[in-house]
Amino acid sequence: MPAPHPNGPEARRFPSSGGAAALEPSGTPEAPQSPDAPVADPPHPAPWHGQAPVVAVVAVGGGIGAAARYGASLLWPTGTAGFPWTTFWVNVVGCFVIGLVMVAITERCAAHRLVRPFFGTGVLGGFTTFSTYAVDIQRLMEEGRPATALAYLAATLLAALTAVWLAATTARPALRTRPPRAGFAEPAAAREKGKRSS
């Protein structure tokens, strides 16, 4: 059987050092692919699929926090003409606990990714109520007690910020002096320092 002609339609010549174009069996040169040609992106999962657990734990935590706040209002009811002490202390205590939890989760504890939205955004976000705080100020102004309203406005802001600062400054030294337990990890700064020293 005679050998196929080197230039025949059935020939396939691959690129050589001289840069010759490859030939398909049909004899048509292959078009070189440009490096700038767009590449199809891989399919991405729907955003809701990854956020659904976060939304769920925030909803559950918010319900728990709101129920705890409602229980506090039943235990320590505030009269219509009195100072809104219950809302004041709920917000202050909630801000203090937020400071403790955030320091523990972000700097000490290798917690699951749902712990922070559950406790921080959910439970403590539902427990504290700065919307009721704003309504209380409006009510005090409408009742003709602007001095009490301004005192409540300033005292809540000052006490809440102080509570967060006090919780953070208290929690950091306390957590730093204790050895890490199971489920806890060293702070990021300490881990980075250990890597550099090694």
N, C-alpha and C. Protein backbone atom coordinates (compact mmCIF):
# COMPACT_ATOMS: atom_id res chain seq x y z
N MET A 1 0.86 -1.20 0.00
CA MET A 1 0.00 0.00 0.00
C MET A 1 0.89 1.23 0.00
N PRO A 2 0.66 2.16 -0.93
CA PRO A 2 1.54 3.34 -0.99
C PRO A 2 1.35 4.23 0.22
N ALA A 3 2.43 4.84 0.66
CA ALA A 3 2.37 5.76 1.80
C ALA A 3 1.63 7.02 1.41
N PRO A 4 0.90 7.61 2.35
CA PRO A 4 0.16 8.84 2.04
C PRO A 4 1.12 9.95 1.69
N HIS A 5 0.64 10.76 0.78
CA HIS A 5 1.45 11.90 0.36
C HIS A 5 1.62 12.85 1.53
N PRO A 6 2.83 13.37 1.76
CA PRO A 6 3.03 14.26 2.92
C PRO A 6 2.18 15.50 2.89
N ASN A 7 1.73 15.92 1.72
CA ASN A 7 0.89 17.10 1.63
C ASN A 7 -0.56 16.74 1.37
N GLY A 8 -0.90 15.47 1.53
CA GLY A 8 -2.26 15.05 1.26
C GLY A 8 -3.23 15.54 2.31
N PRO A 9 -4.53 15.43 2.06
CA PRO A 9 -5.55 15.91 3.02
C PRO A 9 -5.56 15.12 4.29
N GLU A 10 -5.04 13.85 4.25
CA GLU A 10 -5.06 13.05 5.47
C GLU A 10 -3.86 13.28 6.35
N ALA A 11 -2.94 14.13 5.90
CA ALA A 11 -1.71 14.35 6.68
C ALA A 11 -2.00 15.30 7.83
N ARG A 12 -1.22 15.17 8.90
CA ARG A 12 -1.31 16.07 10.06
C ARG A 12 0.11 16.43 10.45
N ARG A 13 0.47 17.64 10.22
CA ARG A 13 1.83 18.09 10.49
C ARG A 13 1.80 18.95 11.76
N PHE A 14 2.54 18.59 12.80
CA PHE A 14 2.55 19.30 14.07
C PHE A 14 3.54 20.44 14.02
N PRO A 15 3.40 21.43 14.91
CA PRO A 15 4.30 22.59 14.88
C PRO A 15 5.73 22.14 15.09
N SER A 16 6.61 22.71 14.32
CA SER A 16 8.03 22.43 14.44
C SER A 16 8.73 23.65 14.98
N SER A 17 10.04 23.53 15.08
CA SER A 17 10.81 24.66 15.59
C SER A 17 10.71 25.86 14.69
N GLY A 18 10.34 25.65 13.44
CA GLY A 18 10.20 26.77 12.53
C GLY A 18 8.89 27.49 12.66
N GLY A 19 7.97 26.98 13.54
CA GLY A 19 6.71 27.68 13.80
C GLY A 19 5.63 27.35 12.79
N ALA A 20 5.73 26.21 12.07
CA ALA A 20 4.69 25.85 11.10
C ALA A 20 3.41 25.52 11.81
N ALA A 21 2.29 25.89 11.21
CA ALA A 21 1.00 25.65 11.83
C ALA A 21 0.61 24.21 11.68
N ALA A 22 -0.10 23.65 12.67
CA ALA A 22 -0.56 22.27 12.61
C ALA A 22 -1.71 22.15 11.63
N LEU A 23 -1.79 21.00 10.97
CA LEU A 23 -2.84 20.75 10.01
C LEU A 23 -3.80 19.72 10.57
N GLU A 24 -5.09 20.01 10.48
CA GLU A 24 -6.12 19.05 10.83
C GLU A 24 -6.20 17.99 9.73
N PRO A 25 -6.86 16.85 9.96
CA PRO A 25 -7.02 15.86 8.89
C PRO A 25 -7.64 16.43 7.63
N SER A 26 -8.47 17.47 7.77
CA SER A 26 -9.07 18.07 6.59
C SER A 26 -8.13 18.98 5.85
N GLY A 27 -6.95 19.26 6.44
CA GLY A 27 -6.00 20.13 5.79
C GLY A 27 -6.13 21.58 6.20
N THR A 28 -7.08 21.93 7.12
CA THR A 28 -7.27 23.31 7.56
C THR A 28 -6.36 23.61 8.73
N PRO A 29 -5.57 24.67 8.69
CA PRO A 29 -4.68 24.98 9.83
C PRO A 29 -5.48 25.31 11.07
N GLU A 30 -4.96 24.87 12.23
CA GLU A 30 -5.59 25.20 13.51
C GLU A 30 -5.39 26.68 13.82
N ALA A 31 -6.44 27.32 14.26
CA ALA A 31 -6.33 28.73 14.63
C ALA A 31 -5.68 28.82 16.00
N PRO A 32 -4.58 29.54 16.14
CA PRO A 32 -3.94 29.66 17.46
C PRO A 32 -4.85 30.39 18.44
N GLN A 33 -4.90 29.88 19.67
CA GLN A 33 -5.75 30.48 20.70
C GLN A 33 -5.03 31.64 21.36
N SER A 34 -5.69 32.77 21.38
CA SER A 34 -5.09 33.96 21.98
C SER A 34 -5.03 33.83 23.49
N PRO A 35 -3.93 34.24 24.11
CA PRO A 35 -3.88 34.18 25.59
C PRO A 35 -4.86 35.13 26.24
N ASP A 36 -5.35 36.13 25.47
CA ASP A 36 -6.31 37.08 26.03
C ASP A 36 -7.75 36.66 25.82
N ALA A 37 -7.95 35.48 25.26
CA ALA A 37 -9.32 35.02 25.01
C ALA A 37 -10.03 34.81 26.33
N PRO A 38 -11.31 35.22 26.43
CA PRO A 38 -12.04 35.06 27.69
C PRO A 38 -12.24 33.60 28.04
N VAL A 39 -12.12 33.31 29.32
CA VAL A 39 -12.30 31.95 29.82
C VAL A 39 -13.59 31.92 30.62
N ALA A 40 -14.39 30.94 30.37
CA ALA A 40 -15.67 30.83 31.07
C ALA A 40 -15.44 30.60 32.55
N ASP A 41 -16.15 31.36 33.38
CA ASP A 41 -16.04 31.20 34.82
C ASP A 41 -16.75 29.93 35.26
N PRO A 42 -16.19 29.25 36.28
CA PRO A 42 -16.88 28.06 36.79
C PRO A 42 -18.18 28.45 37.45
N PRO A 43 -19.15 27.58 37.45
CA PRO A 43 -20.44 27.91 38.08
C PRO A 43 -20.27 28.12 39.57
N HIS A 44 -20.93 29.16 40.06
CA HIS A 44 -20.88 29.48 41.48
C HIS A 44 -22.18 29.06 42.14
N PRO A 45 -22.10 28.61 43.40
CA PRO A 45 -23.35 28.28 44.10
C PRO A 45 -24.16 29.53 44.38
N ALA A 46 -25.43 29.34 44.53
CA ALA A 46 -26.31 30.47 44.81
C ALA A 46 -25.93 31.12 46.14
N PRO A 47 -25.93 32.47 46.21
CA PRO A 47 -25.55 33.13 47.47
C PRO A 47 -26.41 32.69 48.65
N TRP A 48 -27.69 32.42 48.39
CA TRP A 48 -28.58 32.05 49.49
C TRP A 48 -28.16 30.73 50.13
N HIS A 49 -27.54 29.84 49.33
CA HIS A 49 -27.14 28.54 49.87
C HIS A 49 -26.12 28.70 50.98
N GLY A 50 -25.17 29.61 50.84
CA GLY A 50 -24.16 29.79 51.87
C GLY A 50 -24.62 30.64 53.03
N GLN A 51 -25.60 31.52 52.80
CA GLN A 51 -26.07 32.42 53.85
C GLN A 51 -27.26 31.87 54.63
N ALA A 52 -27.86 30.81 54.16
CA ALA A 52 -29.04 30.28 54.84
C ALA A 52 -28.76 29.88 56.29
N PRO A 53 -27.66 29.16 56.60
CA PRO A 53 -27.39 28.84 58.01
C PRO A 53 -27.18 30.08 58.86
N VAL A 54 -26.53 31.10 58.31
CA VAL A 54 -26.30 32.33 59.07
C VAL A 54 -27.62 33.01 59.39
N VAL A 55 -28.49 33.11 58.39
CA VAL A 55 -29.81 33.72 58.61
C VAL A 55 -30.60 32.93 59.65
N ALA A 56 -30.50 31.62 59.59
CA ALA A 56 -31.25 30.78 60.53
C ALA A 56 -30.78 30.98 61.97
N VAL A 57 -29.46 30.97 62.19
CA VAL A 57 -28.98 31.12 63.57
C VAL A 57 -29.21 32.53 64.09
N VAL A 58 -29.16 33.54 63.22
CA VAL A 58 -29.47 34.90 63.65
C VAL A 58 -30.93 35.01 64.07
N ALA A 59 -31.81 34.37 63.30
CA ALA A 59 -33.23 34.40 63.64
C ALA A 59 -33.51 33.71 64.97
N VAL A 60 -32.91 32.54 65.16
CA VAL A 60 -33.11 31.81 66.42
C VAL A 60 -32.52 32.60 67.59
N GLY A 61 -31.29 33.09 67.43
CA GLY A 61 -30.68 33.87 68.49
C GLY A 61 -31.43 35.14 68.80
N GLY A 62 -31.93 35.81 67.75
CA GLY A 62 -32.72 37.02 67.98
C GLY A 62 -33.98 36.74 68.77
N GLY A 63 -34.62 35.61 68.49
CA GLY A 63 -35.81 35.25 69.26
C GLY A 63 -35.49 34.99 70.72
N ILE A 64 -34.36 34.33 70.98
CA ILE A 64 -33.96 34.08 72.37
C ILE A 64 -33.66 35.39 73.09
N GLY A 65 -32.91 36.27 72.43
CA GLY A 65 -32.57 37.55 73.06
C GLY A 65 -33.80 38.40 73.31
N ALA A 66 -34.72 38.45 72.35
CA ALA A 66 -35.93 39.24 72.54
C ALA A 66 -36.80 38.68 73.66
N ALA A 67 -36.86 37.35 73.78
CA ALA A 67 -37.62 36.74 74.87
C ALA A 67 -37.01 37.07 76.22
N ALA A 68 -35.67 37.08 76.29
CA ALA A 68 -35.01 37.44 77.55
C ALA A 68 -35.28 38.90 77.91
N ARG A 69 -35.27 39.78 76.92
CA ARG A 69 -35.57 41.20 77.20
C ARG A 69 -37.01 41.38 77.66
N TYR A 70 -37.92 40.63 77.04
CA TYR A 70 -39.32 40.72 77.45
C TYR A 70 -39.50 40.22 78.88
N GLY A 71 -38.77 39.16 79.22
CA GLY A 71 -38.82 38.68 80.60
C GLY A 71 -38.30 39.71 81.58
N ALA A 72 -37.25 40.43 81.20
CA ALA A 72 -36.72 41.49 82.07
C ALA A 72 -37.74 42.60 82.26
N SER A 73 -38.49 42.92 81.21
CA SER A 73 -39.51 43.98 81.34
C SER A 73 -40.66 43.54 82.23
N LEU A 74 -40.94 42.23 82.30
CA LEU A 74 -41.98 41.75 83.20
C LEU A 74 -41.50 41.70 84.64
N LEU A 75 -40.23 41.38 84.84
CA LEU A 75 -39.69 41.32 86.20
C LEU A 75 -39.49 42.70 86.79
N TRP A 76 -39.05 43.64 85.97
CA TRP A 76 -38.80 45.01 86.44
C TRP A 76 -39.55 46.00 85.56
N PRO A 77 -40.87 46.06 85.72
CA PRO A 77 -41.65 46.97 84.87
C PRO A 77 -41.35 48.43 85.21
N THR A 78 -41.44 49.27 84.20
CA THR A 78 -41.21 50.70 84.37
C THR A 78 -42.53 51.43 84.26
N GLY A 79 -42.84 52.25 85.22
CA GLY A 79 -44.07 53.03 85.19
C GLY A 79 -44.06 54.05 84.06
N THR A 80 -45.24 54.50 83.68
CA THR A 80 -45.33 55.46 82.59
C THR A 80 -44.67 56.78 82.92
N ALA A 81 -44.62 57.14 84.19
CA ALA A 81 -44.03 58.41 84.58
C ALA A 81 -42.62 58.24 85.15
N GLY A 82 -42.10 57.04 85.13
CA GLY A 82 -40.79 56.81 85.72
C GLY A 82 -39.67 56.81 84.71
N PHE A 83 -38.46 56.73 85.22
CA PHE A 83 -37.28 56.65 84.36
C PHE A 83 -37.19 55.24 83.79
N PRO A 84 -36.92 55.07 82.51
CA PRO A 84 -36.89 53.72 81.90
C PRO A 84 -35.64 52.94 82.29
N TRP A 85 -35.59 52.55 83.57
CA TRP A 85 -34.40 51.86 84.07
C TRP A 85 -34.21 50.48 83.44
N THR A 86 -35.31 49.78 83.18
CA THR A 86 -35.18 48.43 82.62
C THR A 86 -34.50 48.46 81.26
N THR A 87 -34.94 49.33 80.38
CA THR A 87 -34.31 49.45 79.06
C THR A 87 -32.87 49.92 79.20
N PHE A 88 -32.63 50.83 80.13
CA PHE A 88 -31.28 51.33 80.35
C PHE A 88 -30.33 50.19 80.71
N TRP A 89 -30.71 49.39 81.71
CA TRP A 89 -29.81 48.33 82.17
C TRP A 89 -29.73 47.16 81.19
N VAL A 90 -30.80 46.90 80.47
CA VAL A 90 -30.75 45.87 79.43
C VAL A 90 -29.70 46.23 78.38
N ASN A 91 -29.69 47.48 77.95
CA ASN A 91 -28.72 47.91 76.95
C ASN A 91 -27.30 47.92 77.50
N VAL A 92 -27.13 48.35 78.73
CA VAL A 92 -25.79 48.41 79.31
C VAL A 92 -25.24 46.99 79.52
N VAL A 93 -26.04 46.12 80.10
CA VAL A 93 -25.59 44.74 80.33
C VAL A 93 -25.35 44.03 79.00
N GLY A 94 -26.23 44.26 78.03
CA GLY A 94 -26.04 43.64 76.73
C GLY A 94 -24.75 44.09 76.06
N CYS A 95 -24.43 45.37 76.14
CA CYS A 95 -23.18 45.87 75.56
C CYS A 95 -21.96 45.29 76.27
N PHE A 96 -22.06 45.11 77.58
CA PHE A 96 -20.95 44.51 78.32
C PHE A 96 -20.72 43.07 77.86
N VAL A 97 -21.79 42.31 77.73
CA VAL A 97 -21.65 40.92 77.29
C VAL A 97 -21.15 40.85 75.85
N ILE A 98 -21.59 41.78 75.01
CA ILE A 98 -21.09 41.82 73.63
C ILE A 98 -19.58 42.01 73.62
N GLY A 99 -19.08 42.90 74.47
CA GLY A 99 -17.63 43.09 74.55
C GLY A 99 -16.90 41.82 74.96
N LEU A 100 -17.44 41.10 75.95
CA LEU A 100 -16.81 39.86 76.38
C LEU A 100 -16.82 38.80 75.28
N VAL A 101 -17.98 38.62 74.66
CA VAL A 101 -18.12 37.58 73.65
C VAL A 101 -17.25 37.87 72.43
N MET A 102 -17.23 39.11 71.99
CA MET A 102 -16.45 39.44 70.80
C MET A 102 -14.95 39.25 71.03
N VAL A 103 -14.47 39.61 72.22
CA VAL A 103 -13.05 39.40 72.51
C VAL A 103 -12.74 37.90 72.55
N ALA A 104 -13.61 37.13 73.19
CA ALA A 104 -13.37 35.69 73.30
C ALA A 104 -13.40 35.01 71.93
N ILE A 105 -14.33 35.41 71.08
CA ILE A 105 -14.48 34.74 69.79
C ILE A 105 -13.40 35.16 68.81
N THR A 106 -13.11 36.45 68.76
CA THR A 106 -12.18 36.95 67.74
C THR A 106 -10.72 36.82 68.12
N GLU A 107 -10.41 36.76 69.42
CA GLU A 107 -9.01 36.77 69.84
C GLU A 107 -8.57 35.51 70.57
N ARG A 108 -9.50 34.68 71.00
CA ARG A 108 -9.10 33.54 71.81
C ARG A 108 -9.68 32.22 71.34
N CYS A 109 -10.93 32.21 71.01
CA CYS A 109 -11.63 30.95 70.75
C CYS A 109 -11.69 30.67 69.27
N ALA A 110 -11.28 29.46 68.88
CA ALA A 110 -11.43 29.02 67.49
C ALA A 110 -12.84 28.47 67.32
N ALA A 111 -13.80 29.38 67.28
CA ALA A 111 -15.20 28.99 67.29
C ALA A 111 -15.70 28.71 65.89
N HIS A 112 -16.81 28.02 65.82
CA HIS A 112 -17.47 27.76 64.54
C HIS A 112 -17.93 29.09 63.94
N ARG A 113 -18.04 29.14 62.64
CA ARG A 113 -18.37 30.39 61.97
C ARG A 113 -19.77 30.88 62.29
N LEU A 114 -20.64 30.01 62.83
CA LEU A 114 -22.00 30.42 63.17
C LEU A 114 -22.13 30.91 64.61
N VAL A 115 -21.07 30.77 65.41
CA VAL A 115 -21.16 31.19 66.81
C VAL A 115 -21.30 32.70 66.91
N ARG A 116 -20.50 33.42 66.16
CA ARG A 116 -20.54 34.88 66.23
C ARG A 116 -21.88 35.46 65.78
N PRO A 117 -22.44 35.06 64.62
CA PRO A 117 -23.75 35.60 64.28
C PRO A 117 -24.85 35.15 65.24
N PHE A 118 -24.70 33.96 65.83
CA PHE A 118 -25.74 33.51 66.76
C PHE A 118 -25.75 34.34 68.03
N PHE A 119 -24.57 34.47 68.68
CA PHE A 119 -24.52 35.19 69.94
C PHE A 119 -24.47 36.71 69.74
N GLY A 120 -23.59 37.15 68.84
CA GLY A 120 -23.42 38.60 68.68
C GLY A 120 -24.60 39.27 68.03
N THR A 121 -24.91 38.84 66.79
CA THR A 121 -26.00 39.48 66.05
C THR A 121 -27.36 38.99 66.53
N GLY A 122 -27.47 37.70 66.85
CA GLY A 122 -28.75 37.14 67.21
C GLY A 122 -29.16 37.40 68.65
N VAL A 123 -28.54 36.67 69.59
CA VAL A 123 -28.96 36.74 70.99
C VAL A 123 -28.78 38.14 71.56
N LEU A 124 -27.58 38.68 71.46
CA LEU A 124 -27.32 39.98 72.07
C LEU A 124 -27.94 41.12 71.26
N GLY A 125 -28.03 40.94 69.94
CA GLY A 125 -28.72 41.95 69.15
C GLY A 125 -30.21 41.99 69.45
N GLY A 126 -30.80 40.84 69.75
CA GLY A 126 -32.20 40.81 70.12
C GLY A 126 -32.44 41.23 71.56
N PHE A 127 -31.45 41.02 72.42
CA PHE A 127 -31.60 41.40 73.82
C PHE A 127 -31.53 42.91 73.99
N THR A 128 -30.54 43.53 73.39
CA THR A 128 -30.44 44.99 73.46
C THR A 128 -31.51 45.61 72.57
N THR A 129 -31.94 46.81 72.93
CA THR A 129 -33.05 47.43 72.20
C THR A 129 -32.86 48.94 72.15
N PHE A 130 -32.09 49.38 71.19
CA PHE A 130 -31.91 50.82 71.03
C PHE A 130 -33.08 51.46 70.29
N SER A 131 -33.94 50.66 69.69
CA SER A 131 -35.17 51.22 69.12
C SER A 131 -36.12 51.63 70.24
N THR A 132 -36.26 50.78 71.27
CA THR A 132 -37.07 51.16 72.43
C THR A 132 -36.46 52.35 73.15
N TYR A 133 -35.15 52.41 73.16
CA TYR A 133 -34.43 53.55 73.74
C TYR A 133 -34.83 54.85 73.04
N ALA A 134 -34.91 54.82 71.71
CA ALA A 134 -35.32 56.01 70.97
C ALA A 134 -36.79 56.35 71.23
N VAL A 135 -37.65 55.33 71.32
CA VAL A 135 -39.06 55.57 71.60
C VAL A 135 -39.24 56.15 73.00
N ASP A 136 -38.45 55.68 73.96
CA ASP A 136 -38.53 56.22 75.32
C ASP A 136 -38.16 57.70 75.35
N ILE A 137 -37.14 58.07 74.59
CA ILE A 137 -36.75 59.48 74.54
C ILE A 137 -37.87 60.32 73.94
N GLN A 138 -38.48 59.83 72.88
CA GLN A 138 -39.59 60.56 72.27
C GLN A 138 -40.76 60.69 73.25
N ARG A 139 -41.05 59.62 73.98
CA ARG A 139 -42.15 59.67 74.94
C ARG A 139 -41.87 60.67 76.05
N LEU A 140 -40.63 60.69 76.55
CA LEU A 140 -40.29 61.64 77.61
C LEU A 140 -40.40 63.08 77.11
N MET A 141 -40.03 63.32 75.87
CA MET A 141 -40.16 64.67 75.32
C MET A 141 -41.63 65.07 75.18
N GLU A 142 -42.46 64.14 74.73
CA GLU A 142 -43.88 64.45 74.57
C GLU A 142 -44.57 64.65 75.91
N GLU A 143 -44.05 64.03 76.96
CA GLU A 143 -44.63 64.20 78.29
C GLU A 143 -44.16 65.48 78.97
N GLY A 144 -43.35 66.25 78.30
CA GLY A 144 -42.88 67.51 78.88
C GLY A 144 -41.75 67.34 79.87
N ARG A 145 -40.92 66.31 79.66
CA ARG A 145 -39.76 66.08 80.54
C ARG A 145 -38.48 66.06 79.72
N PRO A 146 -38.13 67.19 79.14
CA PRO A 146 -36.93 67.22 78.28
C PRO A 146 -35.65 66.96 79.05
N ALA A 147 -35.58 67.39 80.31
CA ALA A 147 -34.36 67.16 81.09
C ALA A 147 -34.13 65.66 81.30
N THR A 148 -35.21 64.94 81.63
CA THR A 148 -35.08 63.49 81.81
C THR A 148 -34.73 62.80 80.49
N ALA A 149 -35.32 63.27 79.40
CA ALA A 149 -35.03 62.68 78.09
C ALA A 149 -33.57 62.87 77.71
N LEU A 150 -33.03 64.07 77.92
CA LEU A 150 -31.64 64.33 77.58
C LEU A 150 -30.69 63.55 78.50
N ALA A 151 -31.06 63.45 79.78
CA ALA A 151 -30.24 62.67 80.71
C ALA A 151 -30.23 61.19 80.31
N TYR A 152 -31.38 60.68 79.94
CA TYR A 152 -31.48 59.28 79.49
C TYR A 152 -30.69 59.06 78.20
N LEU A 153 -30.77 60.01 77.29
CA LEU A 153 -30.03 59.93 76.04
C LEU A 153 -28.53 59.86 76.28
N ALA A 154 -28.02 60.79 77.08
CA ALA A 154 -26.58 60.84 77.32
C ALA A 154 -26.10 59.69 78.20
N ALA A 155 -26.87 59.35 79.22
CA ALA A 155 -26.45 58.30 80.15
C ALA A 155 -26.38 56.94 79.45
N THR A 156 -27.33 56.64 78.59
CA THR A 156 -27.32 55.35 77.90
C THR A 156 -26.12 55.23 76.97
N LEU A 157 -25.86 56.27 76.19
CA LEU A 157 -24.71 56.23 75.28
C LEU A 157 -23.40 56.09 76.05
N LEU A 158 -23.24 56.89 77.08
CA LEU A 158 -22.00 56.85 77.86
C LEU A 158 -21.83 55.50 78.56
N ALA A 159 -22.90 55.02 79.18
CA ALA A 159 -22.80 53.75 79.91
C ALA A 159 -22.59 52.57 78.96
N ALA A 160 -23.22 52.58 77.80
CA ALA A 160 -23.06 51.47 76.85
C ALA A 160 -21.64 51.41 76.31
N LEU A 161 -21.10 52.56 75.91
CA LEU A 161 -19.72 52.58 75.40
C LEU A 161 -18.72 52.21 76.49
N THR A 162 -18.96 52.68 77.70
CA THR A 162 -18.08 52.33 78.82
C THR A 162 -18.15 50.83 79.11
N ALA A 163 -19.33 50.25 79.00
CA ALA A 163 -19.48 48.82 79.26
C ALA A 163 -18.70 47.99 78.25
N VAL A 164 -18.76 48.37 76.97
CA VAL A 164 -18.00 47.64 75.95
C VAL A 164 -16.50 47.77 76.21
N TRP A 165 -16.05 48.99 76.50
CA TRP A 165 -14.62 49.20 76.76
C TRP A 165 -14.16 48.43 77.99
N LEU A 166 -14.96 48.47 79.05
CA LEU A 166 -14.59 47.77 80.28
C LEU A 166 -14.55 46.26 80.06
N ALA A 167 -15.50 45.73 79.32
CA ALA A 167 -15.51 44.29 79.05
C ALA A 167 -14.30 43.87 78.24
N ALA A 168 -13.95 44.66 77.22
CA ALA A 168 -12.81 44.30 76.38
C ALA A 168 -11.50 44.37 77.15
N THR A 169 -11.32 45.44 77.92
CA THR A 169 -10.07 45.59 78.67
C THR A 169 -9.96 44.59 79.81
N THR A 170 -11.07 44.10 80.31
CA THR A 170 -11.04 43.08 81.36
C THR A 170 -10.84 41.69 80.79
N ALA A 171 -11.46 41.42 79.65
CA ALA A 171 -11.40 40.07 79.09
C ALA A 171 -10.04 39.75 78.49
N ARG A 172 -9.39 40.71 77.86
CA ARG A 172 -8.11 40.42 77.20
C ARG A 172 -7.05 39.91 78.17
N PRO A 173 -6.76 40.61 79.27
CA PRO A 173 -5.75 40.06 80.20
C PRO A 173 -6.18 38.74 80.82
N ALA A 174 -7.47 38.59 81.13
CA ALA A 174 -7.93 37.36 81.75
C ALA A 174 -7.78 36.17 80.81
N LEU A 175 -8.10 36.35 79.55
CA LEU A 175 -7.97 35.26 78.59
C LEU A 175 -6.52 35.00 78.22
N ARG A 176 -5.69 36.03 78.27
CA ARG A 176 -4.29 35.87 77.90
C ARG A 176 -3.52 35.07 78.94
N THR A 177 -3.89 35.18 80.22
CA THR A 177 -3.16 34.49 81.28
C THR A 177 -3.54 33.03 81.40
N ARG A 178 -4.64 32.61 80.80
CA ARG A 178 -5.08 31.22 80.90
C ARG A 178 -4.55 30.42 79.72
N PRO A 179 -4.10 29.17 79.97
CA PRO A 179 -3.63 28.35 78.85
C PRO A 179 -4.79 27.98 77.95
N PRO A 180 -4.53 27.84 76.66
CA PRO A 180 -5.61 27.47 75.74
C PRO A 180 -6.17 26.10 76.07
N ARG A 181 -7.49 25.98 75.99
CA ARG A 181 -8.17 24.71 76.21
C ARG A 181 -8.59 24.11 74.87
N ALA A 182 -9.19 22.94 74.97
CA ALA A 182 -9.69 22.30 73.75
C ALA A 182 -10.75 23.19 73.14
N GLY A 183 -10.62 23.43 71.86
CA GLY A 183 -11.56 24.31 71.18
C GLY A 183 -11.11 25.75 71.18
N PHE A 184 -9.99 26.05 71.84
CA PHE A 184 -9.47 27.40 71.87
C PHE A 184 -8.16 27.43 71.10
N ALA A 185 -7.87 28.58 70.55
CA ALA A 185 -6.65 28.76 69.78
C ALA A 185 -5.95 30.01 70.24
N GLU A 186 -4.64 30.07 69.99
CA GLU A 186 -3.89 31.25 70.35
C GLU A 186 -4.33 32.41 69.50
N PRO A 187 -4.20 33.64 70.00
CA PRO A 187 -4.52 34.79 69.17
C PRO A 187 -3.67 34.82 67.92
N ALA A 188 -4.20 35.50 66.91
CA ALA A 188 -3.50 35.54 65.62
C ALA A 188 -2.13 36.16 65.76
N ALA A 189 -1.99 37.20 66.59
CA ALA A 189 -0.69 37.85 66.76
C ALA A 189 0.32 36.90 67.37
N ALA A 190 -0.11 36.08 68.33
CA ALA A 190 0.81 35.13 68.96
C ALA A 190 1.23 34.04 67.98
N ARG A 191 0.29 33.58 67.17
CA ARG A 191 0.64 32.57 66.18
C ARG A 191 1.63 33.11 65.16
N GLU A 192 1.42 34.34 64.72
CA GLU A 192 2.33 34.93 63.75
C GLU A 192 3.71 35.13 64.35
N LYS A 193 3.77 35.52 65.63
CA LYS A 193 5.06 35.69 66.29
C LYS A 193 5.80 34.37 66.41
N GLY A 194 5.05 33.29 66.69
CA GLY A 194 5.68 31.98 66.79
C GLY A 194 6.24 31.51 65.46
N LYS A 195 5.53 31.81 64.37
CA LYS A 195 6.03 31.42 63.06
C LYS A 195 7.32 32.15 62.72
N ARG A 196 7.38 33.43 63.04
CA ARG A 196 8.57 34.20 62.72
C ARG A 196 9.78 33.74 63.53
N SER A 197 9.56 33.41 64.81
CA SER A 197 10.67 32.98 65.66
C SER A 197 11.21 31.62 65.24
N SER A 198 10.32 30.76 64.68
CA SER A 198 10.77 29.44 64.25
C SER A 198 11.47 29.51 62.89
